[in-house]
Protein backbone atom coordinates (compact mmCIF):
# COMPACT_ATOMS: atom_id res chain seq x y z
CA UNK A 1 185.79 -141.13 254.29
CA UNK A 2 184.74 -138.32 256.17
CA UNK A 3 182.63 -139.11 259.26
CA UNK A 4 180.90 -136.10 259.70
CA UNK A 5 178.76 -136.21 256.90
CA UNK A 6 178.50 -139.61 256.57
CA UNK A 7 176.51 -139.62 260.50
CA UNK A 8 174.43 -136.28 258.10
CA UNK A 9 173.89 -138.97 255.75
CA UNK A 10 172.70 -141.88 257.29
CA UNK A 11 171.77 -139.81 260.89
CA UNK A 12 168.08 -138.89 261.94
CA UNK A 13 166.40 -135.75 263.24
CA UNK A 14 163.22 -138.65 264.44
CA UNK A 15 165.43 -141.05 266.60
CA UNK A 16 168.67 -140.81 267.81
CA UNK A 17 171.31 -143.10 266.44
CA UNK A 18 175.17 -144.81 267.98
CA UNK A 19 177.73 -143.54 265.92
CA UNK A 20 179.48 -146.09 266.35
CA UNK A 21 176.42 -148.62 265.00
CA UNK A 22 176.35 -146.74 261.86
CA UNK A 23 180.41 -146.81 261.09
CA UNK A 24 180.41 -150.70 261.75
CA UNK A 25 177.37 -151.48 259.75
CA UNK A 26 179.04 -149.04 256.75
CA UNK A 27 181.92 -151.16 257.22
CA UNK A 28 180.07 -154.53 257.05
CA UNK A 29 181.39 -155.65 261.06
CA UNK A 30 178.39 -158.50 260.95
CA UNK A 31 178.00 -158.72 265.37
CA UNK A 32 174.41 -159.08 265.84
CA UNK A 33 174.04 -155.69 268.14
CA UNK A 34 175.47 -153.88 264.76
CA UNK A 35 172.56 -156.07 262.77
CA UNK A 36 169.97 -155.04 265.03
CA UNK A 37 170.89 -151.14 264.98
CA UNK A 38 171.35 -151.44 261.21
CA UNK A 39 167.45 -153.13 261.53
CA UNK A 40 165.74 -149.99 263.86
CA UNK A 41 168.16 -147.26 261.59
CA UNK A 42 167.16 -148.78 257.73
CA UNK A 43 170.33 -149.21 257.14
CA UNK A 44 169.97 -153.18 256.45
CA UNK A 45 170.88 -152.02 252.69
CA UNK A 46 173.66 -150.68 253.37
CA UNK A 47 175.29 -153.08 255.41
CA UNK A 48 179.17 -152.84 253.90
CA UNK A 49 178.71 -150.43 251.21
CA UNK A 50 181.89 -149.12 252.55
CA UNK A 51 183.91 -152.03 253.61
CA UNK A 52 186.57 -152.17 256.17
CA UNK A 53 186.82 -148.03 255.89
CA UNK A 54 188.37 -145.99 258.42
CA UNK A 55 186.33 -143.39 259.51
CA UNK A 56 188.40 -141.98 262.53
CA UNK A 57 187.95 -141.02 266.32
CA UNK A 58 184.21 -140.37 266.92
CA UNK A 59 184.44 -137.84 269.97
CA UNK A 60 186.13 -134.80 267.57
CA UNK A 61 182.89 -135.40 264.92
CA UNK A 62 180.41 -135.26 267.57
CA UNK A 63 182.22 -132.43 268.80
CA UNK A 64 182.35 -130.42 265.39
CA UNK A 65 178.77 -131.59 264.46
CA UNK A 66 177.32 -130.21 267.75
CA UNK A 67 179.57 -127.23 267.63
CA UNK A 68 177.71 -126.43 263.96
CA UNK A 69 174.60 -127.05 265.08
CA UNK A 70 173.87 -129.89 262.99
CA UNK A 71 173.45 -132.69 265.85
CA UNK A 72 172.81 -133.11 269.69
CA UNK A 73 174.67 -135.46 270.98
CA UNK A 74 173.99 -137.83 274.19
CA UNK A 75 176.99 -139.27 276.55
CA UNK A 76 176.68 -142.53 274.39
CA UNK A 77 178.04 -141.43 271.01
CA UNK A 78 174.58 -141.09 270.00
CA UNK A 79 173.50 -138.41 267.38
CA UNK A 80 170.29 -136.81 266.74
CA UNK A 81 170.03 -134.18 263.63
CA UNK A 82 168.87 -130.54 264.16
CA UNK A 83 166.11 -129.08 261.69
CA UNK A 84 169.79 -127.15 260.77
CA UNK A 85 171.41 -130.68 259.85
CA UNK A 86 168.03 -131.70 258.16
CA UNK A 87 168.68 -128.79 255.16
CA UNK A 88 172.70 -130.10 255.11
CA UNK A 89 171.80 -133.74 254.83
CA UNK A 90 169.03 -132.63 252.37
CA UNK A 91 171.84 -130.55 250.65
CA UNK A 92 174.59 -133.48 250.73
CA UNK A 93 171.95 -136.16 249.02
CA UNK A 94 170.73 -133.85 246.43
CA UNK A 95 174.67 -134.64 245.39
CA UNK A 96 174.47 -137.97 244.71
CA UNK A 97 172.34 -140.41 242.66
CA UNK A 98 169.54 -142.33 245.17
CA UNK A 99 170.56 -144.19 247.53
CA UNK A 100 169.96 -147.29 246.61
CA UNK A 101 172.61 -146.59 243.43
CA UNK A 102 174.92 -146.59 247.03
CA UNK A 103 172.93 -149.48 248.15
CA UNK A 104 174.22 -151.99 245.67
CA UNK A 105 177.30 -152.40 247.00
CA UNK A 106 175.68 -154.09 250.37
CA UNK A 107 175.21 -157.11 247.60
CA UNK A 108 178.57 -156.90 245.35
CA UNK A 109 181.79 -155.72 245.72
CA UNK A 110 181.44 -152.31 244.02
CA UNK A 111 184.85 -150.66 245.14
CA UNK A 112 186.88 -154.52 243.88
CA UNK A 113 184.59 -153.56 240.14
CA UNK A 114 185.77 -150.20 240.09
CA UNK A 115 189.64 -151.30 240.26
CA UNK A 116 188.58 -153.69 237.56
CA UNK A 117 187.02 -151.99 235.26
CA UNK A 118 190.12 -148.92 235.62
CA UNK A 119 192.38 -151.62 234.35
CA UNK A 120 190.46 -153.19 231.80
CA UNK A 121 190.19 -149.60 230.10
CA UNK A 122 193.71 -148.94 230.33
CA UNK A 123 194.28 -152.41 229.16
CA UNK A 124 191.52 -151.75 225.85
CA UNK A 125 192.67 -148.30 225.64
CA UNK A 126 196.75 -148.77 224.87
CA UNK A 127 195.60 -151.91 222.59
CA UNK A 128 193.10 -150.17 220.63
CA UNK A 129 196.68 -147.30 220.29
CA UNK A 130 199.00 -150.43 219.74
CA UNK A 131 200.81 -149.73 222.30
CA UNK A 132 202.66 -152.33 224.40
CA UNK A 133 204.99 -150.06 226.67
CA UNK A 134 202.66 -148.38 229.26
CA UNK A 135 203.05 -148.93 233.14
CA UNK A 136 200.00 -151.01 234.28
CA UNK A 137 197.65 -149.81 237.27
CA UNK A 138 199.06 -151.58 240.24
CA UNK A 139 196.44 -154.25 241.39
CA UNK A 140 196.51 -157.76 243.78
CA UNK A 141 197.64 -161.14 241.76
CA UNK A 142 194.39 -162.47 241.55
CA UNK A 143 192.43 -159.42 239.68
CA UNK A 144 195.58 -159.18 237.67
CA UNK A 145 195.32 -162.53 236.39
CA UNK A 146 191.53 -162.45 235.63
CA UNK A 147 191.76 -159.66 234.02
CA UNK A 148 195.21 -161.05 231.86
CA UNK A 149 192.95 -164.11 230.62
CA UNK A 150 190.18 -161.94 230.20
CA UNK A 151 191.58 -159.86 227.54
CA UNK A 152 193.34 -162.64 226.01
CA UNK A 153 190.41 -164.43 225.51
CA UNK A 154 188.38 -161.97 224.16
CA UNK A 155 190.89 -159.17 222.19
CA UNK A 156 190.89 -160.67 218.74
CA UNK A 157 186.61 -160.06 219.35
CA UNK A 158 187.12 -156.30 218.53
CA UNK A 159 187.37 -155.71 222.07
CA UNK A 160 187.90 -152.00 222.17
CA UNK A 161 184.47 -151.45 219.77
CA UNK A 162 182.46 -153.45 222.34
CA UNK A 163 184.59 -151.61 225.11
CA UNK A 164 183.06 -148.20 223.10
CA UNK A 165 179.60 -149.35 222.79
CA UNK A 166 179.13 -150.49 226.49
CA UNK A 167 180.47 -146.86 227.37
CA UNK A 168 178.85 -145.41 225.17
CA UNK A 169 175.49 -146.87 226.33
CA UNK A 170 176.60 -146.42 229.65
CA UNK A 171 176.79 -142.65 229.45
CA UNK A 172 174.28 -142.22 227.75
CA UNK A 173 171.57 -144.32 230.40
CA UNK A 174 172.82 -141.31 232.69
CA UNK A 175 170.92 -138.64 230.80
CA UNK A 176 172.85 -136.28 232.35
CA UNK A 177 176.73 -134.57 230.72
CA UNK A 178 177.63 -134.10 234.64
CA UNK A 179 177.70 -137.51 235.82
CA UNK A 180 179.11 -138.53 232.66
CA UNK A 181 182.08 -136.53 233.10
CA UNK A 182 182.41 -137.91 236.44
CA UNK A 183 182.49 -141.16 235.53
CA UNK A 184 184.41 -140.59 232.83
CA UNK A 185 187.00 -139.22 235.34
CA UNK A 186 187.48 -142.65 236.94
CA UNK A 187 188.91 -143.67 234.42
CA UNK A 188 193.37 -144.89 233.34
CA UNK A 189 193.81 -144.80 229.41
CA UNK A 190 195.94 -143.71 226.51
CA UNK A 191 197.37 -141.14 226.90
CA UNK A 192 194.82 -139.96 229.94
CA UNK A 193 195.77 -140.80 233.53
CA UNK A 194 192.07 -139.73 235.10
CA UNK A 195 192.03 -138.43 238.47
CA UNK A 196 191.92 -139.01 241.95
CA UNK A 197 188.91 -138.48 243.68
CA UNK A 198 190.53 -135.41 246.14
CA UNK A 199 191.71 -133.73 242.57
CA UNK A 200 187.71 -134.28 240.80
CA UNK A 201 186.45 -132.95 244.69
CA UNK A 202 188.83 -129.48 244.01
CA UNK A 203 187.19 -129.16 240.91
CA UNK A 204 184.00 -129.67 241.91
CA UNK A 205 184.11 -128.18 245.30
CA UNK A 206 182.48 -130.70 246.64
CA UNK A 207 183.73 -132.63 249.47
CA UNK A 208 185.94 -135.78 248.99
CA UNK A 209 183.85 -138.32 250.55
CA UNK A 210 181.05 -136.95 248.14
CA UNK A 211 183.09 -137.98 245.35
CA UNK A 212 184.30 -141.18 246.27
CA UNK A 213 179.85 -142.53 247.31
CA UNK A 214 179.23 -141.28 243.92
CA UNK A 215 181.97 -143.29 242.13
CA UNK A 216 180.62 -146.43 243.70
CA UNK A 217 176.94 -145.51 243.11
CA UNK A 218 178.06 -145.06 239.23
CA UNK A 219 180.58 -147.95 239.19
CA UNK A 220 176.94 -149.75 240.87
CA UNK A 221 175.24 -148.62 238.10
CA UNK A 222 177.85 -149.71 235.81
CA UNK A 223 178.15 -153.55 237.27
CA UNK A 224 173.75 -154.08 237.22
CA UNK A 225 174.11 -153.37 233.55
CA UNK A 226 177.09 -155.53 232.74
CA UNK A 227 174.81 -158.57 235.04
CA UNK A 228 171.89 -157.77 233.30
CA UNK A 229 173.59 -158.73 229.40
CA UNK A 230 173.78 -162.29 231.36
CA UNK A 231 176.52 -164.70 231.89
CA UNK A 232 177.10 -164.58 227.59
CA UNK A 233 178.50 -161.19 227.62
CA UNK A 234 181.96 -160.14 226.42
CA UNK A 235 182.18 -158.60 229.83
CA UNK A 236 180.69 -160.87 231.76
CA UNK A 237 183.91 -161.88 233.72
CA UNK A 238 184.68 -158.61 235.78
CA UNK A 239 181.50 -159.40 237.33
CA UNK A 240 183.19 -162.98 239.09
CA UNK A 241 183.31 -163.69 242.41
CA UNK A 242 181.22 -160.21 243.45
CA UNK A 243 178.55 -160.82 245.10
CA UNK A 244 178.30 -160.78 249.16
CA UNK A 245 176.23 -163.14 250.63
CA UNK A 246 172.98 -161.69 252.67
CA UNK A 247 173.30 -163.78 255.61
CA UNK A 248 176.94 -164.99 256.48
CA UNK A 249 177.76 -168.64 255.62
CA UNK A 250 178.24 -169.91 258.66
CA UNK A 251 174.90 -168.77 259.88
CA UNK A 252 173.02 -169.65 256.78
CA UNK A 253 174.42 -173.33 257.46
CA UNK A 254 172.78 -173.01 261.09
CA UNK A 255 169.40 -171.62 260.26
CA UNK A 256 169.07 -174.20 257.59
CA UNK A 257 169.21 -176.61 259.91
CA UNK A 258 167.42 -175.13 262.38
CA UNK A 259 164.92 -175.08 259.53
CA UNK A 260 165.13 -178.49 258.62
CA UNK A 261 164.85 -180.13 261.94
CA UNK A 262 161.77 -181.88 262.99
CA UNK A 263 161.37 -180.26 266.80
CA UNK A 264 164.06 -177.41 266.05
CA UNK A 265 166.19 -177.45 269.09
CA UNK A 266 169.07 -174.97 269.16
CA UNK A 267 170.52 -177.26 271.64
CA UNK A 268 171.44 -180.37 269.32
CA UNK A 269 172.30 -177.70 266.14
CA UNK A 270 174.62 -177.00 268.44
CA UNK A 271 176.12 -180.08 268.82
CA UNK A 272 176.38 -181.38 265.25
CA UNK A 273 178.00 -178.08 264.45
CA UNK A 274 180.01 -178.15 267.44
CA UNK A 275 180.02 -174.41 268.19
CA UNK A 276 178.22 -172.80 271.08
CA UNK A 277 175.06 -172.88 272.23
CA UNK A 278 174.86 -168.97 271.50
CA UNK A 279 176.80 -169.07 269.27
CA UNK A 280 173.24 -170.91 267.61
CA UNK A 281 172.02 -168.48 268.94
CA UNK A 282 173.24 -164.85 267.32
CA UNK A 283 172.99 -167.43 264.23
CA UNK A 284 169.65 -167.19 264.48
CA UNK A 285 169.07 -163.64 265.45
CA UNK A 286 171.56 -162.74 262.36
CA UNK A 287 168.98 -165.04 260.10
CA UNK A 288 166.36 -163.59 261.94
CA UNK A 289 167.39 -159.73 261.33
CA UNK A 290 168.05 -160.65 257.50
CA UNK A 291 165.35 -162.66 256.18
CA UNK A 292 161.82 -161.60 255.51
CA UNK A 293 159.36 -161.95 258.27
CA UNK A 294 157.53 -164.17 257.15
CA UNK A 295 160.12 -166.78 256.24
CA UNK A 296 161.75 -166.77 260.29
CA UNK A 297 159.62 -169.11 262.69
CA UNK A 298 159.91 -166.60 265.35
CA UNK A 299 156.39 -168.45 266.98
CA UNK A 300 158.17 -171.84 267.78
CA UNK A 301 160.96 -169.78 269.05
CA UNK A 302 159.00 -167.43 271.11
CA UNK A 303 155.82 -169.28 272.51
CA UNK A 304 152.16 -167.66 272.55
CA UNK A 305 151.93 -166.81 276.58
CA UNK A 306 155.84 -165.44 276.30
CA UNK A 307 154.58 -162.74 273.04
CA UNK A 308 152.18 -161.64 274.66
CA UNK A 309 153.63 -160.80 277.81
CA UNK A 310 156.80 -158.77 275.48
CA UNK A 311 153.46 -157.30 273.67
CA UNK A 312 151.86 -156.24 276.83
CA UNK A 313 154.39 -154.66 278.45
CA UNK A 314 156.55 -152.92 275.38
CA UNK A 315 157.10 -149.47 275.23
CA UNK A 316 156.34 -147.43 271.95
CA UNK A 317 160.16 -147.98 271.15
CA UNK A 318 160.86 -151.41 271.70
CA UNK A 319 163.72 -151.11 269.91
CA UNK A 320 165.14 -148.65 272.76
CA UNK A 321 164.13 -151.00 275.73
CA UNK A 322 166.27 -152.68 277.30
CA UNK A 323 167.02 -156.40 278.31
CA UNK A 324 167.11 -155.28 281.92
CA UNK A 325 163.71 -153.17 281.84
CA UNK A 326 161.56 -155.93 280.36
CA UNK A 327 163.21 -159.06 283.17
CA UNK A 328 161.90 -156.50 285.31
CA UNK A 329 158.65 -157.31 284.23
CA UNK A 330 158.87 -160.98 281.60
CA UNK A 331 159.80 -163.75 284.42
CA UNK A 332 162.55 -165.34 283.83
CA UNK A 333 163.49 -163.97 280.40
CA UNK A 334 166.23 -165.01 278.48
CA UNK A 335 167.90 -162.41 276.34
CA UNK A 336 167.80 -164.34 272.66
CA UNK A 337 164.03 -164.34 273.40
CA UNK A 338 164.21 -160.76 273.74
CA UNK A 339 165.70 -159.92 271.16
CA UNK A 340 164.01 -162.25 268.57
CA UNK A 341 160.54 -160.34 270.52
CA UNK A 342 161.97 -156.60 269.23
CA UNK A 343 162.90 -157.72 265.50
CA UNK A 344 159.53 -159.13 265.02
CA UNK A 345 157.92 -156.17 266.38
CA UNK A 346 160.06 -153.95 264.24
CA UNK A 347 159.88 -155.76 261.04
CA UNK A 348 156.33 -156.16 261.35
CA UNK A 349 155.80 -152.52 262.85
CA UNK A 350 157.81 -151.13 260.01
CA UNK A 351 156.90 -153.53 256.97
CA UNK A 352 159.92 -155.53 256.44
């Protein structure tokens, strides 16, 4: 993935944004710091959409964006888009579907579904031609076995016809021949080996990253279509195990224990779970970031007096307020309470 393109897509002309935080949000590094900046940048819907992607080094990208007049960069590896950068951002967004279709990859492993569906297409296509002699796509053992079981269970159920109906329905729903062609180019079938993102990009005269993002969006749409058909659908097995937890399992366990306790004592949870108190606090902060504001007990963890003190001294941009500065005006302030206040203010201000 081209980091420069992603920085333009997810950059802003209203605030400086940390390049590392954007990268880590997109590839799913779920530290509290990364999640917090995802909240500040309005990127919570895009956590892990490019799971594990390698974006390369920051410095050359920042230098190139600055040299091209697309962004300003500061010494903390943050960027803010210029007017020219915003214009380029619009150009990239116009080449993509609405970003809500990319956000599907934050909730489900769309990249895995894409590999499954492409392999399933090859299997069904060759089966429809009665061809048993072909080179199957390379896929890991678990996925290979899942698809073999699915094929064996359904090959006598007029599978090629059902597959054709699904594809026709999905492609018709797109209402754009160009998008339909783009999707089909990703498939592998009888006497058709498909195209790589690089090959499609050359044909369409667009960056490879744009094609890769478009494919994720299209397969996200297809995945949602298959899931809407329900668990009895012939294609339901292709969606098995793709859901991603909104909150990490460990943080979810801690948060559930906390809200169920009569006295809501983080120290007791640390003892019961055999984890550090700092870990309990990290789990609660993760839950606060990813839970609707009305469903998190902020007032249990921040007294009314402390809330009022923090509110009285907060700057206009509470997201950029440093703990060091806050500690100088609020006595005996704990970092956990400070960060929780920032999360609360960000969410109540932005309507989360």
